[in-house]
Amino acid sequence: MHEGDGLGVYTRPAVAVDGRRAVTVSIIATAAPADLPTLNQATGALIDHALCGVPSRRG
């Protein structure tokens, strides 16, 4: 998978292990560069919830 980051645009694609579900989170930051560790933690939790249907254990 390719995350596809660019100037002010951040995407996080993911696919479930069984390949039956997929999700892509796209974020547009317009004011300042994103805090990437925080962005990655938040999008990781969202993706875990979307694919697994349970709260993330990240962070």
PDB file of N, CA and C in Angstrom:
ATOM      1  N   MET A   1       0.839  -1.177   0.000  1.00  0.00           N
ATOM      2  CA  MET A   1       0.000   0.000   0.000  1.00  0.00           C
ATOM      3  C   MET A   1       0.890   1.249   0.000  1.00  0.00           C
ATOM      4  N   HIS A   2       0.383   2.275  -0.591  1.00  0.00           N
ATOM      5  CA  HIS A   2       1.100   3.545  -0.628  1.00  0.00           C
ATOM      6  C   HIS A   2       0.258   4.587   0.076  1.00  0.00           C
ATOM      7  N   GLU A   3       0.859   5.300   1.010  1.00  0.00           N
ATOM      8  CA  GLU A   3       0.112   6.291   1.782  1.00  0.00           C
ATOM      9  C   GLU A   3      -0.214   7.538   0.989  1.00  0.00           C
ATOM     10  N   GLY A   4       0.586   7.927   0.019  1.00  0.00           N
ATOM     11  CA  GLY A   4       0.250   9.021  -0.870  1.00  0.00           C
ATOM     12  C   GLY A   4       0.246  10.396  -0.244  1.00  0.00           C
ATOM     13  N   ASP A   5       1.152  10.668   0.693  1.00  0.00           N
ATOM     14  CA  ASP A   5       1.208  11.997   1.296  1.00  0.00           C
ATOM     15  C   ASP A   5       1.705  13.021   0.277  1.00  0.00           C
ATOM     16  N   GLY A   6       1.181  14.223   0.411  1.00  0.00           N
ATOM     17  CA  GLY A   6       1.606  15.339  -0.415  1.00  0.00           C
ATOM     18  C   GLY A   6       1.483  16.600   0.412  1.00  0.00           C
ATOM     19  N   LEU A   7       1.667  17.731  -0.186  1.00  0.00           N
ATOM     20  CA  LEU A   7       1.602  18.999   0.518  1.00  0.00           C
ATOM     21  C   LEU A   7       0.205  19.214   1.093  1.00  0.00           C
ATOM     22  N   GLY A   8       0.062  19.020   2.403  1.00  0.00           N
ATOM     23  CA  GLY A   8      -1.208  19.252   3.080  1.00  0.00           C
ATOM     24  C   GLY A   8      -2.247  18.157   2.917  1.00  0.00           C
ATOM     25  N   VAL A   9      -1.901  17.063   2.227  1.00  0.00           N
ATOM     26  CA  VAL A   9      -2.846  15.970   2.005  1.00  0.00           C
ATOM     27  C   VAL A   9      -2.207  14.684   2.512  1.00  0.00           C
ATOM     28  N   TYR A  10      -2.951  13.956   3.322  1.00  0.00           N
ATOM     29  CA  TYR A  10      -2.456  12.724   3.929  1.00  0.00           C
ATOM     30  C   TYR A  10      -3.506  11.633   3.736  1.00  0.00           C
ATOM     31  N   THR A  11      -3.112  10.506   3.185  1.00  0.00           N
ATOM     32  CA  THR A  11      -4.043   9.394   3.024  1.00  0.00           C
ATOM     33  C   THR A  11      -3.470   8.156   3.683  1.00  0.00           C
ATOM     34  N   ARG A  12      -4.350   7.369   4.281  1.00  0.00           N
ATOM     35  CA  ARG A  12      -3.967   6.138   4.957  1.00  0.00           C
ATOM     36  C   ARG A  12      -4.902   5.021   4.491  1.00  0.00           C
ATOM     37  N   PRO A  13      -4.462   4.186   3.518  1.00  0.00           N
ATOM     38  CA  PRO A  13      -5.278   3.061   3.078  1.00  0.00           C
ATOM     39  C   PRO A  13      -4.975   1.816   3.919  1.00  0.00           C
ATOM     40  N   ALA A  14      -5.947   0.929   4.014  1.00  0.00           N
ATOM     41  CA  ALA A  14      -5.737  -0.335   4.725  1.00  0.00           C
ATOM     42  C   ALA A  14      -6.746  -1.362   4.219  1.00  0.00           C
ATOM     43  N   VAL A  15      -6.351  -2.631   4.315  1.00  0.00           N
ATOM     44  CA  VAL A  15      -7.203  -3.744   3.907  1.00  0.00           C
ATOM     45  C   VAL A  15      -7.174  -4.779   5.018  1.00  0.00           C
ATOM     46  N   ALA A  16      -8.337  -5.366   5.319  1.00  0.00           N
ATOM     47  CA  ALA A  16      -8.407  -6.420   6.323  1.00  0.00           C
ATOM     48  C   ALA A  16      -7.573  -7.619   5.868  1.00  0.00           C
ATOM     49  N   VAL A  17      -7.096  -8.402   6.824  1.00  0.00           N
ATOM     50  CA  VAL A  17      -6.257  -9.557   6.527  1.00  0.00           C
ATOM     51  C   VAL A  17      -6.942 -10.503   5.543  1.00  0.00           C
ATOM     52  N   ASP A  18      -8.245 -10.686   5.678  1.00  0.00           N
ATOM     53  CA  ASP A  18      -8.973 -11.605   4.789  1.00  0.00           C
ATOM     54  C   ASP A  18      -9.332 -10.958   3.451  1.00  0.00           C
ATOM     55  N   GLY A  19      -9.036  -9.670   3.274  1.00  0.00           N
ATOM     56  CA  GLY A  19      -9.292  -8.967   2.017  1.00  0.00           C
ATOM     57  C   GLY A  19     -10.742  -8.586   1.767  1.00  0.00           C
ATOM     58  N   ARG A  20     -11.600  -8.825   2.737  1.00  0.00           N
ATOM     59  CA  ARG A  20     -13.025  -8.569   2.527  1.00  0.00           C
ATOM     60  C   ARG A  20     -13.436  -7.128   2.808  1.00  0.00           C
ATOM     61  N   ARG A  21     -12.608  -6.395   3.526  1.00  0.00           N
ATOM     62  CA  ARG A  21     -12.923  -4.994   3.841  1.00  0.00           C
ATOM     63  C   ARG A  21     -11.705  -4.125   3.567  1.00  0.00           C
ATOM     64  N   ALA A  22     -11.978  -2.901   3.174  1.00  0.00           N
ATOM     65  CA  ALA A  22     -10.914  -1.930   2.936  1.00  0.00           C
ATOM     66  C   ALA A  22     -11.406  -0.560   3.374  1.00  0.00           C
ATOM     67  N   VAL A  23     -10.475   0.286   3.743  1.00  0.00           N
ATOM     68  CA  VAL A  23     -10.809   1.646   4.152  1.00  0.00           C
ATOM     69  C   VAL A  23      -9.651   2.561   3.748  1.00  0.00           C
ATOM     70  N   THR A  24     -10.001   3.786   3.386  1.00  0.00           N
ATOM     71  CA  THR A  24      -8.995   4.818   3.143  1.00  0.00           C
ATOM     72  C   THR A  24      -9.422   6.063   3.903  1.00  0.00           C
ATOM     73  N   VAL A  25      -8.515   6.585   4.691  1.00  0.00           N
ATOM     74  CA  VAL A  25      -8.750   7.823   5.432  1.00  0.00           C
ATOM     75  C   VAL A  25      -7.956   8.914   4.716  1.00  0.00           C
ATOM     76  N   SER A  26      -8.631   9.996   4.381  1.00  0.00           N
ATOM     77  CA  SER A  26      -7.988  11.123   3.724  1.00  0.00           C
ATOM     78  C   SER A  26      -8.135  12.360   4.601  1.00  0.00           C
ATOM     79  N   ILE A  27      -7.025  13.046   4.827  1.00  0.00           N
ATOM     80  CA  ILE A  27      -7.017  14.231   5.681  1.00  0.00           C
ATOM     81  C   ILE A  27      -6.374  15.376   4.909  1.00  0.00           C
ATOM     82  N   ILE A  28      -6.990  16.533   4.978  1.00  0.00           N
ATOM     83  CA  ILE A  28      -6.434  17.727   4.357  1.00  0.00           C
ATOM     84  C   ILE A  28      -6.122  18.729   5.452  1.00  0.00           C
ATOM     85  N   ALA A  29      -4.853  19.116   5.539  1.00  0.00           N
ATOM     86  CA  ALA A  29      -4.416  20.106   6.532  1.00  0.00           C
ATOM     87  C   ALA A  29      -4.150  21.413   5.794  1.00  0.00           C
ATOM     88  N   THR A  30      -4.858  22.466   6.190  1.00  0.00           N
ATOM     89  CA  THR A  30      -4.732  23.727   5.464  1.00  0.00           C
ATOM     90  C   THR A  30      -3.969  24.810   6.225  1.00  0.00           C
ATOM     91  N   ALA A  31      -3.865  24.685   7.539  1.00  0.00           N
ATOM     92  CA  ALA A  31      -3.285  25.773   8.324  1.00  0.00           C
ATOM     93  C   ALA A  31      -1.785  25.616   8.559  1.00  0.00           C
ATOM     94  N   ALA A  32      -1.348  24.425   8.864  1.00  0.00           N
ATOM     95  CA  ALA A  32       0.060  24.200   9.207  1.00  0.00           C
ATOM     96  C   ALA A  32       0.391  22.745   8.911  1.00  0.00           C
ATOM     97  N   PRO A  33       1.666  22.409   8.816  1.00  0.00           N
ATOM     98  CA  PRO A  33       2.028  21.010   8.622  1.00  0.00           C
ATOM     99  C   PRO A  33       1.464  20.144   9.749  1.00  0.00           C
ATOM    100  N   ALA A  34       1.033  18.961   9.393  1.00  0.00           N
ATOM    101  CA  ALA A  34       0.438  18.059  10.379  1.00  0.00           C
ATOM    102  C   ALA A  34       1.495  17.512  11.329  1.00  0.00           C
ATOM    103  N   ASP A  35       1.074  17.230  12.539  1.00  0.00           N
ATOM    104  CA  ASP A  35       1.903  16.529  13.521  1.00  0.00           C
ATOM    105  C   ASP A  35       1.788  15.051  13.161  1.00  0.00           C
ATOM    106  N   LEU A  36       2.751  14.527  12.391  1.00  0.00           N
ATOM    107  CA  LEU A  36       2.625  13.180  11.841  1.00  0.00           C
ATOM    108  C   LEU A  36       2.475  12.075  12.879  1.00  0.00           C
ATOM    109  N   PRO A  37       3.204  12.088  13.998  1.00  0.00           N
ATOM    110  CA  PRO A  37       2.964  11.029  14.985  1.00  0.00           C
ATOM    111  C   PRO A  37       1.518  11.017  15.503  1.00  0.00           C
ATOM    112  N   THR A  38       0.955  12.188  15.755  1.00  0.00           N
ATOM    113  CA  THR A  38      -0.431  12.272  16.216  1.00  0.00           C
ATOM    114  C   THR A  38      -1.391  11.869  15.110  1.00  0.00           C
ATOM    115  N   LEU A  39      -1.139  12.324  13.887  1.00  0.00           N
ATOM    116  CA  LEU A  39      -1.973  11.963  12.754  1.00  0.00           C
ATOM    117  C   LEU A  39      -1.966  10.448  12.549  1.00  0.00           C
ATOM    118  N   ASN A  40      -0.799   9.826  12.603  1.00  0.00           N
ATOM    119  CA  ASN A  40      -0.700   8.383  12.408  1.00  0.00           C
ATOM    120  C   ASN A  40      -1.400   7.609  13.516  1.00  0.00           C
ATOM    121  N   GLN A  41      -1.300   8.074  14.743  1.00  0.00           N
ATOM    122  CA  GLN A  41      -1.974   7.398  15.854  1.00  0.00           C
ATOM    123  C   GLN A  41      -3.495   7.499  15.698  1.00  0.00           C
ATOM    124  N   ALA A  42      -3.983   8.672  15.362  1.00  0.00           N
ATOM    125  CA  ALA A  42      -5.431   8.877  15.219  1.00  0.00           C
ATOM    126  C   ALA A  42      -5.996   8.107  14.026  1.00  0.00           C
ATOM    127  N   THR A  43      -5.315   8.170  12.891  1.00  0.00           N
ATOM    128  CA  THR A  43      -5.822   7.443  11.727  1.00  0.00           C
ATOM    129  C   THR A  43      -5.691   5.935  11.923  1.00  0.00           C
ATOM    130  N   GLY A  44      -4.649   5.493  12.621  1.00  0.00           N
ATOM    131  CA  GLY A  44      -4.503   4.068  12.921  1.00  0.00           C
ATOM    132  C   GLY A  44      -5.657   3.557  13.764  1.00  0.00           C
ATOM    133  N   ALA A  45      -6.047   4.333  14.759  1.00  0.00           N
ATOM    134  CA  ALA A  45      -7.176   3.946  15.610  1.00  0.00           C
ATOM    135  C   ALA A  45      -8.470   3.908  14.807  1.00  0.00           C
ATOM    136  N   LEU A  46      -8.676   4.893  13.937  1.00  0.00           N
ATOM    137  CA  LEU A  46      -9.875   4.926  13.099  1.00  0.00           C
ATOM    138  C   LEU A  46      -9.909   3.725  12.158  1.00  0.00           C
ATOM    139  N   ILE A  47      -8.795   3.409  11.540  1.00  0.00           N
ATOM    140  CA  ILE A  47      -8.714   2.273  10.632  1.00  0.00           C
ATOM    141  C   ILE A  47      -8.956   0.967  11.378  1.00  0.00           C
ATOM    142  N   ASP A  48      -8.334   0.801  12.547  1.00  0.00           N
ATOM    143  CA  ASP A  48      -8.560  -0.411  13.343  1.00  0.00           C
ATOM    144  C   ASP A  48     -10.042  -0.579  13.658  1.00  0.00           C
ATOM    145  N   HIS A  49     -10.679   0.497  14.033  1.00  0.00           N
ATOM    146  CA  HIS A  49     -12.106   0.438  14.365  1.00  0.00           C
ATOM    147  C   HIS A  49     -12.936   0.098  13.125  1.00  0.00           C
ATOM    148  N   ALA A  50     -12.605   0.712  11.996  1.00  0.00           N
ATOM    149  CA  ALA A  50     -13.363   0.470  10.767  1.00  0.00           C
ATOM    150  C   ALA A  50     -13.204  -0.967  10.278  1.00  0.00           C
ATOM    151  N   LEU A  51     -12.004  -1.511  10.351  1.00  0.00           N
ATOM    152  CA  LEU A  51     -11.768  -2.853   9.833  1.00  0.00           C
ATOM    153  C   LEU A  51     -12.132  -3.957  10.824  1.00  0.00           C
ATOM    154  N   CYS A  52     -11.920  -3.703  12.093  1.00  0.00           N
ATOM    155  CA  CYS A  52     -12.121  -4.740  13.106  1.00  0.00           C
ATOM    156  C   CYS A  52     -13.402  -4.571  13.906  1.00  0.00           C
ATOM    157  N   GLY A  53     -13.973  -3.382  13.893  1.00  0.00           N
ATOM    158  CA  GLY A  53     -15.192  -3.129  14.640  1.00  0.00           C
ATOM    159  C   GLY A  53     -14.986  -3.064  16.145  1.00  0.00           C
ATOM    160  N   VAL A  54     -13.734  -2.893  16.561  1.00  0.00           N
ATOM    161  CA  VAL A  54     -13.414  -2.781  17.989  1.00  0.00           C
ATOM    162  C   VAL A  54     -12.491  -1.601  18.202  1.00  0.00           C
ATOM    163  N   PRO A  55     -12.491  -1.029  19.390  1.00  0.00           N
ATOM    164  CA  PRO A  55     -11.564   0.064  19.676  1.00  0.00           C
ATOM    165  C   PRO A  55     -10.119  -0.371  19.510  1.00  0.00           C
ATOM    166  N   SER A  56      -9.303   0.545  19.064  1.00  0.00           N
ATOM    167  CA  SER A  56      -7.882   0.272  18.869  1.00  0.00           C
ATOM    168  C   SER A  56      -7.166   0.117  20.197  1.00  0.00           C
ATOM    169  N   ARG A  57      -6.096  -0.648  20.179  1.00  0.00           N
ATOM    170  CA  ARG A  57      -5.226  -0.777  21.353  1.00  0.00           C
ATOM    171  C   ARG A  57      -3.946   0.026  21.148  1.00  0.00           C
ATOM    172  N   ARG A  58      -3.937   0.911  20.150  1.00  0.00           N
ATOM    173  CA  ARG A  58      -2.754   1.734  19.869  1.00  0.00           C
ATOM    174  C   ARG A  58      -2.621   2.823  20.927  1.00  0.00           C
ATOM    175  N   GLY A  59      -1.363   3.243  21.104  1.00  0.00           N
ATOM    176  CA  GLY A  59      -1.062   4.401  21.941  1.00  0.00           C
ATOM    177  C   GLY A  59      -1.373   4.161  23.327  1.00  0.00           C
TER     178      GLY A  59
END
